[in-house]
């Protein structure tokens, strides 16, 4: 099923915050394979992601509705630091964030959920997990009402 828009609204944009080129390509391939056409932008670290979200440092601001897929282990500003910065920003504090991580550590999961992430997704078995992620994003964009 191809999905281009949320319920009667503009397309759901996805900001993938991932420094690993292989993982970023795998996410894009999974979306293409499922014929889901959500626009996907990529930032390689938390600093660049904040610039995209704010429209600063020459970045075109990401327009809502959007969902962020954030890796935990990032250079310059890691995923937890990024989500903390989002939650502290009056204009970005309601951002919908899913964490993508290889970490199974309870401390990492708790740190993410303490910052009100929408979900913590393991990327341990890249192929199947990324296909499951695509299914999740497809359903999410189709059934969730955005402000």
N, C-alpha and C. Protein backbone atom coordinates (compact mmCIF):
# COMPACT_ATOMS: atom_id res chain seq x y z
N UNK A 1 0.84 -1.17 0.00
CA UNK A 1 0.00 0.00 0.00
C UNK A 1 0.88 1.24 0.00
N UNK A 2 0.69 2.08 -0.96
CA UNK A 2 1.45 3.31 -1.03
C UNK A 2 0.74 4.38 -0.23
N UNK A 3 1.52 5.12 0.55
CA UNK A 3 0.90 6.15 1.36
C UNK A 3 1.61 7.46 1.14
N UNK A 4 0.86 8.48 0.75
CA UNK A 4 1.49 9.76 0.49
C UNK A 4 1.06 10.83 1.47
N UNK A 5 -0.02 10.63 2.18
CA UNK A 5 -0.49 11.69 3.07
C UNK A 5 -1.08 11.09 4.33
N UNK A 6 -1.12 11.91 5.36
CA UNK A 6 -1.82 11.54 6.56
C UNK A 6 -3.29 11.83 6.29
N UNK A 7 -4.16 11.44 7.16
CA UNK A 7 -5.60 11.62 6.99
C UNK A 7 -5.96 13.00 6.45
N UNK A 8 -6.08 13.10 5.15
CA UNK A 8 -6.51 14.35 4.54
C UNK A 8 -5.52 15.49 4.67
N UNK A 9 -4.32 15.21 5.11
CA UNK A 9 -3.35 16.26 5.29
C UNK A 9 -2.12 16.06 4.44
N UNK A 10 -1.09 16.84 4.71
CA UNK A 10 0.16 16.71 3.96
C UNK A 10 0.87 15.40 4.32
N UNK A 11 1.86 15.02 3.50
CA UNK A 11 2.60 13.79 3.78
C UNK A 11 3.30 13.86 5.14
N UNK A 12 3.39 12.72 5.78
CA UNK A 12 4.16 12.60 7.01
C UNK A 12 5.63 12.62 6.63
N UNK A 13 6.37 13.57 7.16
CA UNK A 13 7.81 13.64 6.91
C UNK A 13 8.54 12.86 8.00
N UNK A 14 9.64 12.25 7.60
CA UNK A 14 10.45 11.50 8.55
C UNK A 14 11.85 12.10 8.56
N UNK A 15 12.33 12.43 9.76
CA UNK A 15 13.71 12.86 9.91
C UNK A 15 14.48 11.70 10.53
N UNK A 16 15.36 11.13 9.76
CA UNK A 16 16.21 10.04 10.21
C UNK A 16 17.52 10.65 10.71
N UNK A 17 17.80 10.47 11.99
CA UNK A 17 19.03 10.99 12.58
C UNK A 17 19.94 9.79 12.81
N UNK A 18 20.84 9.58 11.86
CA UNK A 18 21.64 8.35 11.82
C UNK A 18 22.99 8.66 11.18
N UNK A 19 24.08 8.35 11.88
CA UNK A 19 25.42 8.61 11.34
C UNK A 19 25.96 7.46 10.50
N UNK A 20 25.39 6.28 10.64
CA UNK A 20 25.87 5.10 9.91
C UNK A 20 25.21 5.05 8.52
N UNK A 21 26.04 5.16 7.48
CA UNK A 21 25.52 5.16 6.11
C UNK A 21 24.78 3.87 5.78
N UNK A 22 25.30 2.74 6.26
CA UNK A 22 24.65 1.45 5.98
C UNK A 22 23.25 1.37 6.58
N UNK A 23 23.11 1.80 7.83
CA UNK A 23 21.79 1.77 8.46
C UNK A 23 20.83 2.76 7.78
N UNK A 24 21.34 3.93 7.41
CA UNK A 24 20.50 4.91 6.73
C UNK A 24 20.01 4.36 5.38
N UNK A 25 20.90 3.72 4.64
CA UNK A 25 20.51 3.12 3.36
C UNK A 25 19.50 2.01 3.58
N UNK A 26 19.68 1.20 4.62
CA UNK A 26 18.76 0.10 4.90
C UNK A 26 17.35 0.63 5.20
N UNK A 27 17.26 1.71 5.95
CA UNK A 27 15.94 2.30 6.24
C UNK A 27 15.30 2.79 4.94
N UNK A 28 16.05 3.52 4.13
CA UNK A 28 15.51 4.02 2.86
C UNK A 28 15.08 2.87 1.95
N UNK A 29 15.90 1.82 1.85
CA UNK A 29 15.57 0.66 1.01
C UNK A 29 14.28 -0.01 1.49
N UNK A 30 14.14 -0.13 2.81
CA UNK A 30 12.93 -0.76 3.35
C UNK A 30 11.69 0.05 2.98
N UNK A 31 11.77 1.37 3.04
CA UNK A 31 10.64 2.21 2.65
C UNK A 31 10.34 2.06 1.16
N UNK A 32 11.39 2.04 0.34
CA UNK A 32 11.21 1.89 -1.11
C UNK A 32 10.62 0.53 -1.44
N UNK A 33 11.11 -0.50 -0.78
CA UNK A 33 10.63 -1.87 -1.03
C UNK A 33 9.15 -1.99 -0.71
N UNK A 34 8.71 -1.30 0.33
CA UNK A 34 7.31 -1.34 0.72
C UNK A 34 6.47 -0.33 -0.06
N UNK A 35 7.12 0.41 -0.99
CA UNK A 35 6.44 1.40 -1.81
C UNK A 35 5.73 2.47 -0.97
N UNK A 36 6.38 2.84 0.12
CA UNK A 36 5.87 3.90 0.97
C UNK A 36 6.67 5.14 0.67
N UNK A 37 5.98 6.22 0.39
CA UNK A 37 6.66 7.39 -0.15
C UNK A 37 6.73 8.56 0.83
N UNK A 38 6.80 8.26 2.12
CA UNK A 38 7.02 9.34 3.08
C UNK A 38 8.33 10.04 2.71
N UNK A 39 8.35 11.37 2.70
CA UNK A 39 9.63 12.04 2.49
C UNK A 39 10.56 11.75 3.67
N UNK A 40 11.79 11.35 3.38
CA UNK A 40 12.77 11.07 4.44
C UNK A 40 13.94 12.02 4.27
N UNK A 41 14.22 12.77 5.33
CA UNK A 41 15.43 13.59 5.38
C UNK A 41 16.36 12.95 6.39
N UNK A 42 17.64 13.18 6.20
CA UNK A 42 18.62 12.59 7.10
C UNK A 42 19.51 13.67 7.70
N UNK A 43 19.78 13.52 8.97
CA UNK A 43 20.79 14.30 9.67
C UNK A 43 21.77 13.30 10.25
N UNK A 44 23.05 13.65 10.27
CA UNK A 44 24.06 12.68 10.72
C UNK A 44 24.37 12.77 12.21
N UNK A 45 23.85 13.80 12.88
CA UNK A 45 24.04 13.90 14.32
C UNK A 45 22.99 14.82 14.92
N UNK A 46 23.01 14.94 16.24
CA UNK A 46 22.01 15.75 16.92
C UNK A 46 22.08 17.22 16.61
N UNK A 47 23.29 17.74 16.39
CA UNK A 47 23.45 19.16 16.07
C UNK A 47 22.77 19.47 14.74
N UNK A 48 23.05 18.65 13.74
CA UNK A 48 22.43 18.85 12.42
C UNK A 48 20.91 18.66 12.51
N UNK A 49 20.46 17.69 13.31
CA UNK A 49 19.02 17.46 13.46
C UNK A 49 18.32 18.69 14.04
N UNK A 50 18.92 19.30 15.05
CA UNK A 50 18.33 20.52 15.62
C UNK A 50 18.27 21.64 14.58
N UNK A 51 19.32 21.75 13.76
CA UNK A 51 19.30 22.75 12.70
C UNK A 51 18.17 22.50 11.71
N UNK A 52 17.93 21.24 11.36
CA UNK A 52 16.83 20.90 10.47
C UNK A 52 15.48 21.21 11.13
N UNK A 53 15.35 20.89 12.39
CA UNK A 53 14.08 21.12 13.09
C UNK A 53 13.80 22.62 13.27
N UNK A 54 14.86 23.40 13.44
CA UNK A 54 14.71 24.84 13.68
C UNK A 54 14.83 25.68 12.41
N UNK A 55 15.35 25.08 11.34
CA UNK A 55 15.59 25.85 10.12
C UNK A 55 16.76 26.79 10.26
N UNK A 56 17.79 26.37 11.00
CA UNK A 56 18.97 27.20 11.22
C UNK A 56 20.19 26.62 10.49
N UNK A 57 21.28 27.37 10.48
CA UNK A 57 22.55 26.94 9.86
C UNK A 57 22.38 26.54 8.40
N UNK A 58 21.51 27.26 7.70
CA UNK A 58 21.30 27.01 6.29
C UNK A 58 20.41 25.83 5.96
N UNK A 59 19.83 25.18 6.96
CA UNK A 59 18.95 24.03 6.74
C UNK A 59 17.51 24.50 6.48
N UNK A 60 16.83 23.83 5.56
CA UNK A 60 15.42 24.09 5.34
C UNK A 60 14.65 23.42 6.47
N UNK A 61 13.80 24.19 7.12
CA UNK A 61 13.05 23.69 8.29
C UNK A 61 12.11 22.55 7.89
N UNK A 62 12.12 21.49 8.67
CA UNK A 62 11.22 20.37 8.45
C UNK A 62 9.80 20.80 8.81
N UNK A 63 8.87 20.56 7.90
CA UNK A 63 7.48 20.98 8.11
C UNK A 63 6.66 19.82 8.69
N UNK A 64 5.73 20.13 9.59
CA UNK A 64 4.88 19.09 10.14
C UNK A 64 3.86 18.61 9.10
N UNK A 65 3.28 17.45 9.30
CA UNK A 65 3.57 16.54 10.40
C UNK A 65 4.85 15.76 10.15
N UNK A 66 5.56 15.46 11.22
CA UNK A 66 6.81 14.73 11.10
C UNK A 66 7.00 13.79 12.28
N UNK A 67 7.84 12.80 12.03
CA UNK A 67 8.27 11.85 13.05
C UNK A 67 9.78 11.78 12.93
N UNK A 68 10.44 11.69 14.07
CA UNK A 68 11.89 11.56 14.08
C UNK A 68 12.28 10.14 14.46
N UNK A 69 13.24 9.59 13.72
CA UNK A 69 13.83 8.30 14.03
C UNK A 69 15.28 8.60 14.43
N UNK A 70 15.61 8.41 15.71
CA UNK A 70 16.87 8.89 16.25
C UNK A 70 17.72 7.75 16.77
N UNK A 71 18.93 7.63 16.23
CA UNK A 71 19.91 6.69 16.75
C UNK A 71 20.46 7.25 18.06
N UNK A 72 20.85 6.39 18.99
CA UNK A 72 21.40 6.86 20.26
C UNK A 72 22.87 7.26 20.14
N UNK A 73 23.64 6.47 19.44
CA UNK A 73 25.08 6.69 19.36
C UNK A 73 25.42 7.55 18.16
N UNK A 74 25.51 8.87 18.42
CA UNK A 74 25.78 9.83 17.37
C UNK A 74 26.98 10.69 17.76
N UNK A 75 27.74 11.20 16.77
CA UNK A 75 28.82 12.13 17.10
C UNK A 75 28.27 13.51 17.47
N UNK A 76 29.08 14.31 18.08
CA UNK A 76 28.80 15.70 18.50
C UNK A 76 27.68 15.81 19.53
N UNK A 77 26.53 15.27 19.26
CA UNK A 77 25.40 15.29 20.20
C UNK A 77 24.65 13.98 20.03
N UNK A 78 24.65 13.15 21.08
CA UNK A 78 24.02 11.83 20.95
C UNK A 78 22.49 11.93 20.99
N UNK A 79 21.84 10.80 20.79
CA UNK A 79 20.38 10.78 20.71
C UNK A 79 19.69 11.27 21.97
N UNK A 80 20.19 10.88 23.13
CA UNK A 80 19.57 11.32 24.40
C UNK A 80 19.73 12.83 24.55
N UNK A 81 20.92 13.35 24.25
CA UNK A 81 21.14 14.80 24.32
C UNK A 81 20.22 15.54 23.35
N UNK A 82 20.02 14.96 22.16
CA UNK A 82 19.13 15.56 21.17
C UNK A 82 17.70 15.64 21.69
N UNK A 83 17.20 14.54 22.23
CA UNK A 83 15.82 14.53 22.71
C UNK A 83 15.67 15.48 23.90
N UNK A 84 16.69 15.56 24.77
CA UNK A 84 16.65 16.54 25.87
C UNK A 84 16.54 17.96 25.32
N UNK A 85 17.31 18.26 24.28
CA UNK A 85 17.27 19.60 23.67
C UNK A 85 15.91 19.86 23.04
N UNK A 86 15.32 18.85 22.42
CA UNK A 86 13.98 19.01 21.84
C UNK A 86 12.96 19.32 22.93
N UNK A 87 13.02 18.55 24.01
CA UNK A 87 12.04 18.71 25.09
C UNK A 87 12.18 20.07 25.79
N UNK A 88 13.40 20.64 25.75
CA UNK A 88 13.64 21.94 26.40
C UNK A 88 13.27 23.12 25.49
N UNK A 89 13.01 22.84 24.22
CA UNK A 89 12.69 23.89 23.25
C UNK A 89 11.17 24.02 23.13
N UNK A 90 10.66 25.20 23.47
CA UNK A 90 9.21 25.44 23.46
C UNK A 90 8.56 25.08 22.12
N UNK A 91 9.27 25.31 21.02
CA UNK A 91 8.71 25.04 19.70
C UNK A 91 8.85 23.59 19.25
N UNK A 92 9.70 22.83 19.89
CA UNK A 92 9.97 21.46 19.44
C UNK A 92 9.65 20.40 20.49
N UNK A 93 9.19 20.81 21.65
CA UNK A 93 9.03 19.87 22.76
C UNK A 93 8.01 18.77 22.50
N UNK A 94 7.12 18.97 21.53
CA UNK A 94 6.12 17.95 21.23
C UNK A 94 6.53 17.03 20.08
N UNK A 95 7.78 17.14 19.64
CA UNK A 95 8.24 16.31 18.54
C UNK A 95 8.03 14.82 18.86
N UNK A 96 7.57 14.09 17.87
CA UNK A 96 7.36 12.64 18.02
C UNK A 96 8.67 11.95 17.67
N UNK A 97 9.23 11.25 18.65
CA UNK A 97 10.55 10.65 18.49
C UNK A 97 10.49 9.16 18.77
N UNK A 98 11.02 8.39 17.84
CA UNK A 98 11.27 6.96 18.04
C UNK A 98 12.77 6.79 18.08
N UNK A 99 13.27 6.05 19.05
CA UNK A 99 14.70 5.77 19.14
C UNK A 99 14.98 4.48 18.38
N UNK A 100 16.03 4.51 17.56
CA UNK A 100 16.54 3.32 16.87
C UNK A 100 17.91 3.05 17.47
N UNK A 101 18.11 1.86 17.99
CA UNK A 101 19.39 1.60 18.64
C UNK A 101 19.78 0.13 18.59
N UNK A 102 21.07 -0.10 18.69
CA UNK A 102 21.57 -1.47 18.84
C UNK A 102 21.65 -1.84 20.31
N UNK A 103 21.46 -0.85 21.19
CA UNK A 103 21.62 -1.08 22.62
C UNK A 103 20.40 -1.73 23.24
N UNK A 104 20.66 -2.81 23.97
CA UNK A 104 19.60 -3.47 24.74
C UNK A 104 19.68 -3.08 26.22
N UNK A 105 20.56 -2.15 26.55
CA UNK A 105 20.76 -1.76 27.95
C UNK A 105 19.51 -1.11 28.51
N UNK A 106 19.10 -1.57 29.69
CA UNK A 106 17.93 -1.00 30.35
C UNK A 106 18.10 0.49 30.62
N UNK A 107 19.35 0.90 30.96
CA UNK A 107 19.60 2.32 31.24
C UNK A 107 19.30 3.18 30.02
N UNK A 108 19.65 2.68 28.83
CA UNK A 108 19.39 3.44 27.60
C UNK A 108 17.88 3.51 27.33
N UNK A 109 17.21 2.39 27.53
CA UNK A 109 15.75 2.39 27.32
C UNK A 109 15.06 3.34 28.29
N UNK A 110 15.44 3.28 29.56
CA UNK A 110 14.82 4.15 30.56
C UNK A 110 15.12 5.63 30.29
N UNK A 111 16.35 5.93 29.89
CA UNK A 111 16.71 7.32 29.58
C UNK A 111 15.86 7.85 28.44
N UNK A 112 15.62 7.00 27.44
CA UNK A 112 14.79 7.41 26.30
C UNK A 112 13.33 7.60 26.72
N UNK A 113 12.78 6.62 27.42
CA UNK A 113 11.37 6.72 27.83
C UNK A 113 11.14 7.82 28.86
N UNK A 114 12.16 8.14 29.67
CA UNK A 114 12.04 9.26 30.61
C UNK A 114 11.88 10.58 29.87
N UNK A 115 12.29 10.62 28.59
CA UNK A 115 12.15 11.82 27.76
C UNK A 115 10.92 11.73 26.85
N UNK A 116 10.02 10.82 27.18
CA UNK A 116 8.74 10.69 26.47
C UNK A 116 8.88 10.35 24.99
N UNK A 117 9.80 9.42 24.68
CA UNK A 117 9.86 8.97 23.29
C UNK A 117 8.64 8.10 23.02
N UNK A 118 8.26 8.02 21.75
CA UNK A 118 7.09 7.24 21.37
C UNK A 118 7.40 5.75 21.32
N UNK A 119 8.68 5.40 21.19
CA UNK A 119 9.05 4.00 21.17
C UNK A 119 10.55 3.82 21.07
N UNK A 120 11.01 2.66 21.49
CA UNK A 120 12.43 2.30 21.46
C UNK A 120 12.53 1.04 20.61
N UNK A 121 13.20 1.16 19.47
CA UNK A 121 13.22 0.07 18.50
C UNK A 121 14.65 -0.43 18.33
N UNK A 122 14.84 -1.73 18.51
CA UNK A 122 16.16 -2.33 18.32
C UNK A 122 16.41 -2.55 16.84
N UNK A 123 17.61 -2.23 16.41
CA UNK A 123 17.96 -2.47 15.00
C UNK A 123 18.97 -3.61 14.89
N UNK A 124 18.76 -4.63 15.70
CA UNK A 124 19.70 -5.74 15.76
C UNK A 124 19.67 -6.65 14.54
N UNK A 125 18.50 -6.91 14.02
CA UNK A 125 18.40 -7.73 12.81
C UNK A 125 17.91 -6.82 11.70
N UNK A 126 18.85 -6.08 11.13
CA UNK A 126 18.54 -4.95 10.25
C UNK A 126 17.40 -5.19 9.27
N UNK A 127 17.46 -6.23 8.46
CA UNK A 127 16.44 -6.43 7.44
C UNK A 127 15.02 -6.47 7.98
N UNK A 128 14.75 -7.43 8.86
CA UNK A 128 13.38 -7.60 9.37
C UNK A 128 12.96 -6.43 10.25
N UNK A 129 13.86 -5.94 11.08
CA UNK A 129 13.50 -4.82 11.95
C UNK A 129 13.17 -3.57 11.14
N UNK A 130 13.92 -3.31 10.07
CA UNK A 130 13.63 -2.13 9.26
C UNK A 130 12.30 -2.30 8.52
N UNK A 131 11.98 -3.51 8.09
CA UNK A 131 10.66 -3.74 7.46
C UNK A 131 9.55 -3.53 8.49
N UNK A 132 9.77 -3.99 9.72
CA UNK A 132 8.79 -3.75 10.78
C UNK A 132 8.65 -2.25 11.06
N UNK A 133 9.77 -1.53 11.01
CA UNK A 133 9.75 -0.09 11.21
C UNK A 133 8.91 0.58 10.12
N UNK A 134 9.07 0.15 8.89
CA UNK A 134 8.29 0.71 7.78
C UNK A 134 6.80 0.47 8.02
N UNK A 135 6.45 -0.74 8.42
CA UNK A 135 5.05 -1.05 8.72
C UNK A 135 4.53 -0.13 9.82
N UNK A 136 5.35 0.07 10.86
CA UNK A 136 4.95 0.94 11.96
C UNK A 136 4.72 2.37 11.48
N UNK A 137 5.65 2.91 10.69
CA UNK A 137 5.51 4.28 10.19
C UNK A 137 4.30 4.42 9.27
N UNK A 138 4.06 3.39 8.46
CA UNK A 138 2.91 3.42 7.57
C UNK A 138 1.61 3.48 8.37
N UNK A 139 1.48 2.60 9.36
CA UNK A 139 0.28 2.60 10.21
C UNK A 139 0.17 3.89 11.01
N UNK A 140 1.28 4.34 11.52
CA UNK A 140 1.31 5.54 12.36
C UNK A 140 0.77 6.74 11.57
N UNK A 141 1.31 6.93 10.38
CA UNK A 141 0.89 8.05 9.55
C UNK A 141 -0.55 7.95 9.10
N UNK A 142 -1.05 6.73 9.00
CA UNK A 142 -2.41 6.51 8.51
C UNK A 142 -3.45 6.69 9.61
N UNK A 143 -3.14 6.34 10.86
CA UNK A 143 -4.18 6.32 11.87
C UNK A 143 -4.06 7.38 12.96
N UNK A 144 -2.87 7.99 13.10
CA UNK A 144 -2.69 8.97 14.17
C UNK A 144 -3.12 10.35 13.70
N UNK A 145 -3.81 11.07 14.55
CA UNK A 145 -4.19 12.46 14.26
C UNK A 145 -3.08 13.37 14.74
N UNK A 146 -2.62 14.26 13.88
CA UNK A 146 -1.55 15.19 14.23
C UNK A 146 -2.13 16.58 14.45
N UNK A 147 -1.53 17.37 15.36
CA UNK A 147 -2.02 18.73 15.60
C UNK A 147 -1.75 19.64 14.40
